[in-house]
Amino acid sequence: MTSPIEALVQQLDGDDDASYGARSRLVGIGRDATLAIAAALPTLGSFGQLTAIEVFEEVEDPRCGPALRPRPDRPTGQRRPDRPRVDCDRPG
């Protein structure tokens, strides 16, 4: 069974209205949504991943580093929004 947060995360890949609504609700949920979003990133398309990153930035959860990390194959430190890397520390 899918939790309400997981259902919202999957909507991040939806059309503009569904994605925006899910993003707003996840931001409202805050830190409680962060780990579920991070776990679902590999299942999301590029639009959903970028929207997830917007949620991370809005929530400012200290368990997550910057949503976009400079890639080692890009020495200038350019960021590739089509290949986000998200690092979240799971609670110990």
N, C-alpha and C. Protein backbone atom coordinates (compact mmCIF):
# COMPACT_ATOMS: atom_id res chain seq x y z
N MET A 1 0.84 -1.19 0.00
CA MET A 1 0.00 0.00 0.00
C MET A 1 0.88 1.25 0.00
N THR A 2 0.49 2.23 -0.75
CA THR A 2 1.25 3.46 -0.88
C THR A 2 0.82 4.45 0.19
N SER A 3 1.81 5.04 0.87
CA SER A 3 1.50 6.06 1.88
C SER A 3 1.07 7.35 1.18
N PRO A 4 0.41 8.24 1.89
CA PRO A 4 0.02 9.52 1.29
C PRO A 4 1.22 10.32 0.78
N ILE A 5 2.33 10.27 1.51
CA ILE A 5 3.53 10.99 1.07
C ILE A 5 4.07 10.37 -0.21
N GLU A 6 4.13 9.04 -0.28
CA GLU A 6 4.61 8.36 -1.49
C GLU A 6 3.73 8.69 -2.69
N ALA A 7 2.42 8.77 -2.47
CA ALA A 7 1.51 9.13 -3.56
C ALA A 7 1.79 10.54 -4.06
N LEU A 8 2.05 11.46 -3.15
CA LEU A 8 2.40 12.83 -3.55
C LEU A 8 3.71 12.85 -4.33
N VAL A 9 4.69 12.08 -3.87
CA VAL A 9 5.99 12.04 -4.55
C VAL A 9 5.82 11.57 -5.99
N GLN A 10 5.01 10.56 -6.20
CA GLN A 10 4.79 10.06 -7.56
C GLN A 10 4.11 11.11 -8.44
N GLN A 11 3.33 11.99 -7.85
CA GLN A 11 2.66 13.05 -8.61
C GLN A 11 3.63 14.13 -9.07
N LEU A 12 4.84 14.16 -8.53
CA LEU A 12 5.82 15.14 -8.97
C LEU A 12 6.13 15.00 -10.45
N ASP A 13 5.92 13.81 -11.01
CA ASP A 13 6.14 13.56 -12.43
C ASP A 13 4.90 13.81 -13.28
N GLY A 14 3.81 14.25 -12.66
CA GLY A 14 2.55 14.45 -13.38
C GLY A 14 2.55 15.71 -14.21
N ASP A 15 1.37 16.06 -14.70
CA ASP A 15 1.24 17.29 -15.46
C ASP A 15 1.52 18.49 -14.55
N ASP A 16 1.57 19.66 -15.13
CA ASP A 16 1.96 20.85 -14.37
C ASP A 16 1.12 21.07 -13.11
N ASP A 17 -0.20 20.95 -13.24
CA ASP A 17 -1.07 21.19 -12.09
C ASP A 17 -0.85 20.16 -10.98
N ALA A 18 -0.79 18.87 -11.36
CA ALA A 18 -0.59 17.82 -10.36
C ALA A 18 0.77 17.96 -9.69
N SER A 19 1.78 18.24 -10.50
CA SER A 19 3.13 18.37 -9.96
C SER A 19 3.23 19.56 -9.01
N TYR A 20 2.66 20.69 -9.41
CA TYR A 20 2.72 21.89 -8.55
C TYR A 20 1.97 21.65 -7.25
N GLY A 21 0.80 21.01 -7.34
CA GLY A 21 0.03 20.73 -6.14
C GLY A 21 0.77 19.79 -5.20
N ALA A 22 1.38 18.74 -5.76
CA ALA A 22 2.14 17.79 -4.93
C ALA A 22 3.35 18.49 -4.31
N ARG A 23 4.03 19.31 -5.09
CA ARG A 23 5.19 20.05 -4.58
C ARG A 23 4.78 20.92 -3.39
N SER A 24 3.69 21.65 -3.54
CA SER A 24 3.22 22.53 -2.46
C SER A 24 2.88 21.73 -1.20
N ARG A 25 2.20 20.61 -1.37
CA ARG A 25 1.82 19.80 -0.20
C ARG A 25 3.05 19.19 0.46
N LEU A 26 4.03 18.74 -0.34
CA LEU A 26 5.25 18.15 0.23
C LEU A 26 6.05 19.21 0.98
N VAL A 27 6.11 20.41 0.45
CA VAL A 27 6.78 21.50 1.16
C VAL A 27 6.07 21.75 2.48
N GLY A 28 4.75 21.72 2.47
CA GLY A 28 3.98 21.91 3.70
C GLY A 28 4.23 20.80 4.72
N ILE A 29 4.43 19.58 4.24
CA ILE A 29 4.74 18.46 5.14
C ILE A 29 6.13 18.64 5.73
N GLY A 30 7.04 19.16 4.94
CA GLY A 30 8.38 19.48 5.44
C GLY A 30 9.30 18.28 5.55
N ARG A 31 10.08 18.27 6.62
CA ARG A 31 11.13 17.26 6.81
C ARG A 31 10.60 15.84 6.80
N ASP A 32 9.37 15.64 7.19
CA ASP A 32 8.82 14.28 7.21
C ASP A 32 8.72 13.68 5.81
N ALA A 33 8.76 14.51 4.77
CA ALA A 33 8.67 14.02 3.40
C ALA A 33 10.03 13.79 2.75
N THR A 34 11.08 14.33 3.32
CA THR A 34 12.40 14.33 2.68
C THR A 34 12.92 12.95 2.33
N LEU A 35 12.92 12.03 3.26
CA LEU A 35 13.49 10.71 2.99
C LEU A 35 12.66 9.94 1.98
N ALA A 36 11.34 10.10 2.01
CA ALA A 36 10.49 9.43 1.02
C ALA A 36 10.77 9.96 -0.38
N ILE A 37 10.99 11.25 -0.48
CA ILE A 37 11.32 11.84 -1.78
C ILE A 37 12.67 11.32 -2.27
N ALA A 38 13.66 11.31 -1.39
CA ALA A 38 15.00 10.83 -1.77
C ALA A 38 14.95 9.37 -2.21
N ALA A 39 14.17 8.56 -1.53
CA ALA A 39 14.07 7.15 -1.88
C ALA A 39 13.42 6.95 -3.24
N ALA A 40 12.53 7.84 -3.61
CA ALA A 40 11.81 7.71 -4.88
C ALA A 40 12.51 8.34 -6.07
N LEU A 41 13.57 9.09 -5.85
CA LEU A 41 14.23 9.78 -6.96
C LEU A 41 14.56 8.88 -8.15
N PRO A 42 15.09 7.67 -7.94
CA PRO A 42 15.41 6.85 -9.11
C PRO A 42 14.19 6.46 -9.95
N THR A 43 13.00 6.52 -9.37
CA THR A 43 11.80 6.13 -10.11
C THR A 43 11.17 7.31 -10.84
N LEU A 44 11.62 8.52 -10.55
CA LEU A 44 11.04 9.71 -11.15
C LEU A 44 11.76 10.06 -12.45
N GLY A 45 11.01 10.63 -13.37
CA GLY A 45 11.61 11.16 -14.59
C GLY A 45 12.34 12.45 -14.29
N SER A 46 12.93 13.05 -15.31
CA SER A 46 13.72 14.25 -15.08
C SER A 46 12.89 15.40 -14.53
N PHE A 47 11.65 15.56 -15.00
CA PHE A 47 10.79 16.63 -14.48
C PHE A 47 10.49 16.41 -13.01
N GLY A 48 10.16 15.19 -12.64
CA GLY A 48 9.87 14.86 -11.25
C GLY A 48 11.09 15.05 -10.36
N GLN A 49 12.26 14.69 -10.87
CA GLN A 49 13.48 14.85 -10.09
C GLN A 49 13.78 16.33 -9.85
N LEU A 50 13.60 17.14 -10.87
CA LEU A 50 13.85 18.58 -10.68
C LEU A 50 12.84 19.19 -9.72
N THR A 51 11.61 18.74 -9.80
CA THR A 51 10.59 19.24 -8.86
C THR A 51 10.91 18.78 -7.44
N ALA A 52 11.40 17.55 -7.30
CA ALA A 52 11.82 17.06 -5.98
C ALA A 52 12.93 17.92 -5.42
N ILE A 53 13.85 18.31 -6.25
CA ILE A 53 14.95 19.17 -5.81
C ILE A 53 14.41 20.50 -5.31
N GLU A 54 13.40 21.03 -5.99
CA GLU A 54 12.79 22.27 -5.52
C GLU A 54 12.21 22.10 -4.13
N VAL A 55 11.63 20.94 -3.86
CA VAL A 55 11.09 20.67 -2.52
C VAL A 55 12.23 20.65 -1.51
N PHE A 56 13.34 19.96 -1.83
CA PHE A 56 14.48 19.93 -0.92
C PHE A 56 14.97 21.34 -0.60
N GLU A 57 15.06 22.19 -1.64
CA GLU A 57 15.54 23.55 -1.43
C GLU A 57 14.59 24.35 -0.56
N GLU A 58 13.28 24.19 -0.76
CA GLU A 58 12.29 24.92 0.04
C GLU A 58 12.29 24.47 1.50
N VAL A 59 12.37 23.16 1.71
CA VAL A 59 12.28 22.61 3.06
C VAL A 59 13.55 22.89 3.87
N GLU A 60 14.69 22.96 3.18
CA GLU A 60 15.98 23.19 3.84
C GLU A 60 16.25 22.19 4.94
N ASP A 61 16.01 20.93 4.66
CA ASP A 61 16.26 19.86 5.62
C ASP A 61 17.77 19.68 5.77
N PRO A 62 18.31 19.85 6.97
CA PRO A 62 19.76 19.74 7.15
C PRO A 62 20.30 18.33 6.90
N ARG A 63 19.42 17.32 6.82
CA ARG A 63 19.89 15.97 6.52
C ARG A 63 20.26 15.83 5.05
N CYS A 64 19.85 16.75 4.23
CA CYS A 64 20.18 16.70 2.80
C CYS A 64 21.21 17.76 2.48
N GLY A 65 22.22 17.34 1.75
CA GLY A 65 23.20 18.29 1.24
C GLY A 65 22.57 19.05 0.09
N PRO A 66 23.34 19.88 -0.58
CA PRO A 66 22.79 20.57 -1.75
C PRO A 66 22.21 19.55 -2.73
N ALA A 67 21.06 19.83 -3.25
CA ALA A 67 20.39 18.87 -4.12
C ALA A 67 21.18 18.62 -5.40
N LEU A 68 21.79 19.63 -5.92
CA LEU A 68 22.61 19.45 -7.12
C LEU A 68 24.07 19.60 -6.72
N ARG A 69 24.83 18.58 -6.96
CA ARG A 69 26.26 18.62 -6.65
C ARG A 69 27.03 18.76 -7.96
N PRO A 70 28.10 19.53 -7.96
CA PRO A 70 28.93 19.57 -9.16
C PRO A 70 29.43 18.17 -9.48
N ARG A 71 29.38 17.83 -10.74
CA ARG A 71 29.82 16.50 -11.15
C ARG A 71 31.33 16.49 -11.36
N PRO A 72 31.99 15.41 -10.95
CA PRO A 72 33.45 15.34 -11.10
C PRO A 72 33.90 15.40 -12.56
N ASP A 73 33.04 14.99 -13.50
CA ASP A 73 33.42 15.02 -14.91
C ASP A 73 33.25 16.41 -15.52
N ARG A 74 32.85 17.38 -14.71
CA ARG A 74 32.70 18.75 -15.18
C ARG A 74 33.56 19.64 -14.29
N PRO A 75 34.84 19.78 -14.64
CA PRO A 75 35.80 20.46 -13.77
C PRO A 75 35.45 21.91 -13.46
N THR A 76 34.63 22.52 -14.28
CA THR A 76 34.28 23.91 -14.01
C THR A 76 33.23 24.01 -12.91
N GLY A 77 32.74 22.86 -12.45
CA GLY A 77 31.72 22.86 -11.40
C GLY A 77 30.33 23.13 -11.93
N GLN A 78 30.16 23.06 -13.25
CA GLN A 78 28.82 23.26 -13.81
C GLN A 78 27.89 22.18 -13.29
N ARG A 79 26.67 22.56 -13.12
CA ARG A 79 25.69 21.61 -12.62
C ARG A 79 24.87 21.07 -13.78
N ARG A 80 24.50 19.82 -13.67
CA ARG A 80 23.70 19.17 -14.70
C ARG A 80 22.32 18.88 -14.12
N PRO A 81 21.32 19.75 -14.35
CA PRO A 81 20.01 19.51 -13.77
C PRO A 81 19.35 18.23 -14.27
N ASP A 82 19.82 17.70 -15.41
CA ASP A 82 19.21 16.46 -15.89
C ASP A 82 19.77 15.24 -15.19
N ARG A 83 20.77 15.42 -14.33
CA ARG A 83 21.36 14.32 -13.58
C ARG A 83 21.57 14.73 -12.13
N PRO A 84 20.48 14.96 -11.41
CA PRO A 84 20.65 15.42 -10.02
C PRO A 84 21.22 14.33 -9.13
N ARG A 85 22.01 14.76 -8.16
CA ARG A 85 22.50 13.85 -7.13
C ARG A 85 22.01 14.40 -5.81
N VAL A 86 21.38 13.57 -5.06
CA VAL A 86 20.86 14.01 -3.78
C VAL A 86 21.45 13.11 -2.72
N ASP A 87 22.02 13.72 -1.70
CA ASP A 87 22.58 12.97 -0.60
C ASP A 87 21.78 13.29 0.65
N CYS A 88 21.15 12.28 1.20
CA CYS A 88 20.41 12.46 2.44
C CYS A 88 20.95 11.49 3.48
N ASP A 89 21.11 11.98 4.65
CA ASP A 89 21.55 11.11 5.75
C ASP A 89 20.32 10.50 6.38
N ARG A 90 20.29 9.21 6.40
CA ARG A 90 19.18 8.52 7.05
C ARG A 90 19.40 8.59 8.57
N PRO A 91 18.32 8.79 9.30
CA PRO A 91 18.48 8.87 10.76
C PRO A 91 19.07 7.56 11.29
N GLY A 92 20.02 7.69 12.22
CA GLY A 92 20.72 6.54 12.75
C GLY A 92 20.01 5.92 13.82
